[in-house]
Amino acid sequence: MLAIVIGILVVAAVSTTGDWIWYDLGVTHRMAAGVIHGAVLLGAVGGVLGAAAGRLIAGLPIGAVAGVGGAMVYYLLVPAIGQVAIVAAWAAVWILLAWLDGTWLRRRSRSTVEILSRGVLAAFLGGLAFSLVLGTLWGRAPAGGRNYLLQFAAWTFAWTPGILALTLGRRDDRP
């Protein structure tokens, strides 16, 4: 459990660093930058899933794949449905993470129903948490600039439910 908590804090730190790069370094929002951001950020999430399965290094690429997949869902849908595409991308990321975690990291020790149930739960709970802090994360910066400690706390809150939905459970599901 301690590894998962530390992992969530690492993911929040990576997310906050990403915000700093986007906001303070002025990275232009282009598809290539979004895909790279998704791969790096979700690579960290994959590392947490890998650590929970006893295979930290194996988790990194599955996270990156989910990050690229989520970014592509977003960029494919945003012309048609606007910023609502972030909801579809967020759900796609969690479903991909659950599938790759259950089939690759845990070597099919979870049933397809459990894998998909965890993915849907992660998407729902993570989406709910994310929506509650969205204004803090991506809203207009206050007059004094962004408070990156607050960003870190908001990202911790946003990532926790989804990561817990995928990692907590039976101890016997490790490969």
C-alpha atoms as a PDB file:
ATOM      1  CA  MET A   1       0.000   0.000   0.000  1.00  0.00           C
ATOM      2  CA  LEU A   2       2.846   2.405   0.764  1.00  0.00           C
ATOM      3  CA  ALA A   3       4.200   1.905  -2.758  1.00  0.00           C
ATOM      4  CA  ILE A   4       0.804   2.866  -4.198  1.00  0.00           C
ATOM      5  CA  VAL A   5       0.595   6.025  -2.065  1.00  0.00           C
ATOM      6  CA  ILE A   6       4.131   7.011  -3.064  1.00  0.00           C
ATOM      7  CA  GLY A   7       3.240   6.220  -6.674  1.00  0.00           C
ATOM      8  CA  ILE A   8       0.173   8.474  -6.562  1.00  0.00           C
ATOM      9  CA  LEU A   9       2.350  11.292  -5.207  1.00  0.00           C
ATOM     10  CA  VAL A  10       4.880  10.705  -8.007  1.00  0.00           C
ATOM     11  CA  VAL A  11       2.084  10.827 -10.601  1.00  0.00           C
ATOM     12  CA  ALA A  12       0.799  14.079  -9.055  1.00  0.00           C
ATOM     13  CA  ALA A  13       4.340  15.503  -9.184  1.00  0.00           C
ATOM     14  CA  VAL A  14       4.708  14.505 -12.853  1.00  0.00           C
ATOM     15  CA  SER A  15       1.301  16.070 -13.579  1.00  0.00           C
ATOM     16  CA  THR A  16       2.256  19.273 -11.782  1.00  0.00           C
ATOM     17  CA  THR A  17       5.571  19.420 -13.624  1.00  0.00           C
ATOM     18  CA  GLY A  18       3.622  18.995 -16.861  1.00  0.00           C
ATOM     19  CA  ASP A  19       1.403  21.930 -15.894  1.00  0.00           C
ATOM     20  CA  TRP A  20       4.473  24.050 -15.203  1.00  0.00           C
ATOM     21  CA  ILE A  21       5.888  23.156 -18.629  1.00  0.00           C
ATOM     22  CA  TRP A  22       2.611  23.987 -20.393  1.00  0.00           C
ATOM     23  CA  TYR A  23       1.857  27.172 -18.449  1.00  0.00           C
ATOM     24  CA  ASP A  24       5.190  28.722 -17.516  1.00  0.00           C
ATOM     25  CA  LEU A  25       7.338  27.587 -20.425  1.00  0.00           C
ATOM     26  CA  GLY A  26       4.541  28.370 -22.861  1.00  0.00           C
ATOM     27  CA  VAL A  27       4.411  25.110 -24.791  1.00  0.00           C
ATOM     28  CA  THR A  28       2.023  25.531 -27.693  1.00  0.00           C
ATOM     29  CA  HIS A  29      -0.906  23.142 -27.518  1.00  0.00           C
ATOM     30  CA  ARG A  30      -0.351  20.919 -30.525  1.00  0.00           C
ATOM     31  CA  MET A  31      -1.125  17.255 -31.038  1.00  0.00           C
ATOM     32  CA  ALA A  32       2.536  16.189 -30.874  1.00  0.00           C
ATOM     33  CA  ALA A  33       3.014  17.949 -27.528  1.00  0.00           C
ATOM     34  CA  GLY A  34      -0.209  16.423 -26.166  1.00  0.00           C
ATOM     35  CA  VAL A  35       0.761  12.913 -27.244  1.00  0.00           C
ATOM     36  CA  ILE A  36       4.230  13.255 -25.694  1.00  0.00           C
ATOM     37  CA  HIS A  37       2.689  14.665 -22.520  1.00  0.00           C
ATOM     38  CA  GLY A  38       0.209  11.766 -22.378  1.00  0.00           C
ATOM     39  CA  ALA A  39       2.939   9.170 -22.877  1.00  0.00           C
ATOM     40  CA  VAL A  40       5.162  10.604 -20.135  1.00  0.00           C
ATOM     41  CA  LEU A  41       2.379  11.264 -17.640  1.00  0.00           C
ATOM     42  CA  LEU A  42       0.641   7.930 -18.087  1.00  0.00           C
ATOM     43  CA  GLY A  43       4.015   6.197 -18.130  1.00  0.00           C
ATOM     44  CA  ALA A  44       4.212   7.276 -14.492  1.00  0.00           C
ATOM     45  CA  VAL A  45       0.738   5.845 -13.850  1.00  0.00           C
ATOM     46  CA  GLY A  46       1.845   2.614 -15.522  1.00  0.00           C
ATOM     47  CA  GLY A  47       4.799   2.548 -13.156  1.00  0.00           C
ATOM     48  CA  VAL A  48       2.414   2.644 -10.199  1.00  0.00           C
ATOM     49  CA  LEU A  49       0.358  -0.192 -11.659  1.00  0.00           C
ATOM     50  CA  GLY A  50       3.557  -2.119 -12.356  1.00  0.00           C
ATOM     51  CA  ALA A  51       4.776  -1.611  -8.794  1.00  0.00           C
ATOM     52  CA  ALA A  52       1.432  -2.850  -7.452  1.00  0.00           C
ATOM     53  CA  ALA A  53       1.762  -5.980  -9.600  1.00  0.00           C
ATOM     54  CA  GLY A  54       5.398  -6.500  -8.604  1.00  0.00           C
ATOM     55  CA  ARG A  55       6.585  -5.484 -12.109  1.00  0.00           C
ATOM     56  CA  LEU A  56       7.393  -1.749 -11.973  1.00  0.00           C
ATOM     57  CA  ILE A  57       9.473  -1.571 -15.168  1.00  0.00           C
ATOM     58  CA  ALA A  58       6.896  -3.571 -17.141  1.00  0.00           C
ATOM     59  CA  GLY A  59       4.259  -1.018 -16.118  1.00  0.00           C
ATOM     60  CA  LEU A  60       5.987   1.974 -17.691  1.00  0.00           C
ATOM     61  CA  PRO A  61       5.274   1.095 -21.341  1.00  0.00           C
ATOM     62  CA  ILE A  62       1.667   0.082 -20.685  1.00  0.00           C
ATOM     63  CA  GLY A  63       1.103   3.491 -19.145  1.00  0.00           C
ATOM     64  CA  ALA A  64       2.726   5.178 -22.123  1.00  0.00           C
ATOM     65  CA  VAL A  65       0.501   3.192 -24.507  1.00  0.00           C
ATOM     66  CA  ALA A  66      -2.584   4.257 -22.536  1.00  0.00           C
ATOM     67  CA  GLY A  67      -1.376   7.868 -22.566  1.00  0.00           C
ATOM     68  CA  VAL A  68      -0.887   7.883 -26.326  1.00  0.00           C
ATOM     69  CA  GLY A  69      -4.265   6.145 -26.752  1.00  0.00           C
ATOM     70  CA  GLY A  70      -6.031   8.677 -24.563  1.00  0.00           C
ATOM     71  CA  ALA A  71      -4.391  11.598 -26.354  1.00  0.00           C
ATOM     72  CA  MET A  72      -5.380  10.186 -29.741  1.00  0.00           C
ATOM     73  CA  VAL A  73      -8.989   9.730 -28.602  1.00  0.00           C
ATOM     74  CA  TYR A  74      -8.997  13.352 -27.488  1.00  0.00           C
ATOM     75  CA  TYR A  75      -7.483  14.753 -30.682  1.00  0.00           C
ATOM     76  CA  LEU A  76      -9.730  12.632 -32.900  1.00  0.00           C
ATOM     77  CA  LEU A  77     -12.907  13.661 -31.076  1.00  0.00           C
ATOM     78  CA  VAL A  78     -12.261  17.308 -30.187  1.00  0.00           C
ATOM     79  CA  PRO A  79     -13.089  18.652 -33.698  1.00  0.00           C
ATOM     80  CA  ALA A  80     -16.509  16.962 -33.531  1.00  0.00           C
ATOM     81  CA  ILE A  81     -17.530  17.395 -29.887  1.00  0.00           C
ATOM     82  CA  GLY A  82     -15.236  20.088 -28.504  1.00  0.00           C
ATOM     83  CA  GLN A  83     -13.837  19.922 -24.995  1.00  0.00           C
ATOM     84  CA  VAL A  84     -16.278  17.164 -24.045  1.00  0.00           C
ATOM     85  CA  ALA A  85     -13.665  14.974 -25.766  1.00  0.00           C
ATOM     86  CA  ILE A  86     -11.632  15.103 -22.555  1.00  0.00           C
ATOM     87  CA  VAL A  87     -14.312  12.960 -20.883  1.00  0.00           C
ATOM     88  CA  ALA A  88     -14.027  10.283 -23.581  1.00  0.00           C
ATOM     89  CA  ALA A  89     -10.223  10.453 -23.458  1.00  0.00           C
ATOM     90  CA  TRP A  90     -10.197  10.130 -19.659  1.00  0.00           C
ATOM     91  CA  ALA A  91     -12.481   7.078 -19.834  1.00  0.00           C
ATOM     92  CA  ALA A  92     -10.388   5.543 -22.637  1.00  0.00           C
ATOM     93  CA  VAL A  93      -7.218   5.960 -20.583  1.00  0.00           C
ATOM     94  CA  TRP A  94      -8.669   4.136 -17.569  1.00  0.00           C
ATOM     95  CA  ILE A  95     -10.165   1.322 -19.664  1.00  0.00           C
ATOM     96  CA  LEU A  96      -6.838   0.877 -21.489  1.00  0.00           C
ATOM     97  CA  LEU A  97      -4.918   0.926 -18.220  1.00  0.00           C
ATOM     98  CA  ALA A  98      -7.260  -1.656 -16.693  1.00  0.00           C
ATOM     99  CA  TRP A  99      -7.020  -3.900 -19.737  1.00  0.00           C
ATOM    100  CA  LEU A 100      -3.227  -3.715 -20.004  1.00  0.00           C
ATOM    101  CA  ASP A 101      -2.836  -4.134 -16.250  1.00  0.00           C
ATOM    102  CA  GLY A 102      -5.071  -7.193 -16.154  1.00  0.00           C
ATOM    103  CA  THR A 103      -3.783  -8.880 -19.295  1.00  0.00           C
ATOM    104  CA  TRP A 104      -0.119  -7.886 -19.358  1.00  0.00           C
ATOM    105  CA  LEU A 105       1.063  -6.982 -15.875  1.00  0.00           C
ATOM    106  CA  ARG A 106      -1.031  -9.483 -13.978  1.00  0.00           C
ATOM    107  CA  ARG A 107      -0.798 -12.095 -16.735  1.00  0.00           C
ATOM    108  CA  ARG A 108      -4.530 -12.703 -16.902  1.00  0.00           C
ATOM    109  CA  SER A 109      -4.929 -13.426 -13.202  1.00  0.00           C
ATOM    110  CA  ARG A 110      -8.048 -11.246 -13.336  1.00  0.00           C
ATOM    111  CA  SER A 111     -11.134 -12.189 -15.323  1.00  0.00           C
ATOM    112  CA  THR A 112     -12.267 -10.061 -18.247  1.00  0.00           C
ATOM    113  CA  VAL A 113     -15.296  -8.986 -16.203  1.00  0.00           C
ATOM    114  CA  GLU A 114     -13.075  -7.883 -13.305  1.00  0.00           C
ATOM    115  CA  ILE A 115     -10.699  -6.058 -15.652  1.00  0.00           C
ATOM    116  CA  LEU A 116     -13.515  -4.144 -17.355  1.00  0.00           C
ATOM    117  CA  SER A 117     -15.320  -3.509 -14.052  1.00  0.00           C
ATOM    118  CA  ARG A 118     -12.165  -2.017 -12.577  1.00  0.00           C
ATOM    119  CA  GLY A 119     -11.660   0.102 -15.700  1.00  0.00           C
ATOM    120  CA  VAL A 120     -15.217   1.445 -15.633  1.00  0.00           C
ATOM    121  CA  LEU A 121     -14.969   2.113 -11.878  1.00  0.00           C
ATOM    122  CA  ALA A 122     -11.632   3.887 -12.355  1.00  0.00           C
ATOM    123  CA  ALA A 123     -13.062   5.959 -15.218  1.00  0.00           C
ATOM    124  CA  PHE A 124     -16.143   6.914 -13.198  1.00  0.00           C
ATOM    125  CA  LEU A 125     -14.473   7.668  -9.855  1.00  0.00           C
ATOM    126  CA  GLY A 126     -11.408   9.224 -11.455  1.00  0.00           C
ATOM    127  CA  GLY A 127     -13.616  11.276 -13.771  1.00  0.00           C
ATOM    128  CA  LEU A 128     -15.701  12.494 -10.863  1.00  0.00           C
ATOM    129  CA  ALA A 129     -12.609  13.512  -8.883  1.00  0.00           C
ATOM    130  CA  PHE A 130     -11.046  15.131 -11.967  1.00  0.00           C
ATOM    131  CA  SER A 131     -14.223  17.114 -12.671  1.00  0.00           C
ATOM    132  CA  LEU A 132     -14.262  18.438  -9.095  1.00  0.00           C
ATOM    133  CA  VAL A 133     -10.786  19.966  -9.479  1.00  0.00           C
ATOM    134  CA  LEU A 134     -10.839  20.793 -13.192  1.00  0.00           C
ATOM    135  CA  GLY A 135     -11.195  24.529 -12.576  1.00  0.00           C
ATOM    136  CA  THR A 136      -8.121  24.494 -10.346  1.00  0.00           C
ATOM    137  CA  LEU A 137      -6.098  22.416 -12.767  1.00  0.00           C
ATOM    138  CA  TRP A 138      -6.996  24.036 -16.057  1.00  0.00           C
ATOM    139  CA  GLY A 139      -8.921  27.152 -15.121  1.00  0.00           C
ATOM    140  CA  ARG A 140      -7.742  30.697 -15.574  1.00  0.00           C
ATOM    141  CA  ALA A 141      -4.712  31.441 -13.443  1.00  0.00           C
ATOM    142  CA  PRO A 142      -5.251  33.766 -10.467  1.00  0.00           C
ATOM    143  CA  ALA A 143      -3.800  37.266 -10.666  1.00  0.00           C
ATOM    144  CA  GLY A 144      -0.728  36.194  -8.688  1.00  0.00           C
ATOM    145  CA  GLY A 145      -0.058  33.222 -10.959  1.00  0.00           C
ATOM    146  CA  ARG A 146      -0.542  29.508 -10.474  1.00  0.00           C
ATOM    147  CA  ASN A 147      -0.019  27.957  -7.082  1.00  0.00           C
ATOM    148  CA  TYR A 148       1.799  24.744  -7.923  1.00  0.00           C
ATOM    149  CA  LEU A 149       1.384  23.329  -4.431  1.00  0.00           C
ATOM    150  CA  LEU A 150      -2.382  23.630  -4.958  1.00  0.00           C
ATOM    151  CA  GLN A 151      -1.961  22.058  -8.427  1.00  0.00           C
ATOM    152  CA  PHE A 152      -0.101  19.150  -6.813  1.00  0.00           C
ATOM    153  CA  ALA A 153      -2.872  18.660  -4.233  1.00  0.00           C
ATOM    154  CA  ALA A 154      -5.549  18.794  -6.950  1.00  0.00           C
ATOM    155  CA  TRP A 155      -3.701  16.262  -9.109  1.00  0.00           C
ATOM    156  CA  THR A 156      -3.260  13.979  -6.095  1.00  0.00           C
ATOM    157  CA  PHE A 157      -7.017  14.143  -5.533  1.00  0.00           C
ATOM    158  CA  ALA A 158      -7.765  13.572  -9.239  1.00  0.00           C
ATOM    159  CA  TRP A 159      -5.507  10.534  -9.729  1.00  0.00           C
ATOM    160  CA  THR A 160      -6.149   8.717  -6.439  1.00  0.00           C
ATOM    161  CA  PRO A 161      -9.580   7.116  -7.066  1.00  0.00           C
ATOM    162  CA  GLY A 162      -8.671   5.661 -10.463  1.00  0.00           C
ATOM    163  CA  ILE A 163      -5.333   4.295  -9.352  1.00  0.00           C
ATOM    164  CA  LEU A 164      -6.890   2.759  -6.245  1.00  0.00           C
ATOM    165  CA  ALA A 165      -9.689   1.193  -8.312  1.00  0.00           C
ATOM    166  CA  LEU A 166      -7.092  -0.584 -10.438  1.00  0.00           C
ATOM    167  CA  THR A 167      -4.649  -1.567  -7.698  1.00  0.00           C
ATOM    168  CA  LEU A 168      -6.581  -2.418  -4.561  1.00  0.00           C
ATOM    169  CA  GLY A 169      -8.134  -5.798  -4.056  1.00  0.00           C
ATOM    170  CA  ARG A 170      -7.140  -9.363  -3.484  1.00  0.00           C
ATOM    171  CA  ARG A 171      -3.505  -9.963  -2.585  1.00  0.00           C
ATOM    172  CA  ASP A 172      -3.561 -13.224  -4.548  1.00  0.00           C
ATOM    173  CA  ASP A 173      -3.925 -11.537  -7.935  1.00  0.00           C
ATOM    174  CA  ARG A 174      -0.188 -10.970  -8.248  1.00  0.00           C
ATOM    175  CA  PRO A 175       1.584 -13.084 -10.865  1.00  0.00           C
END
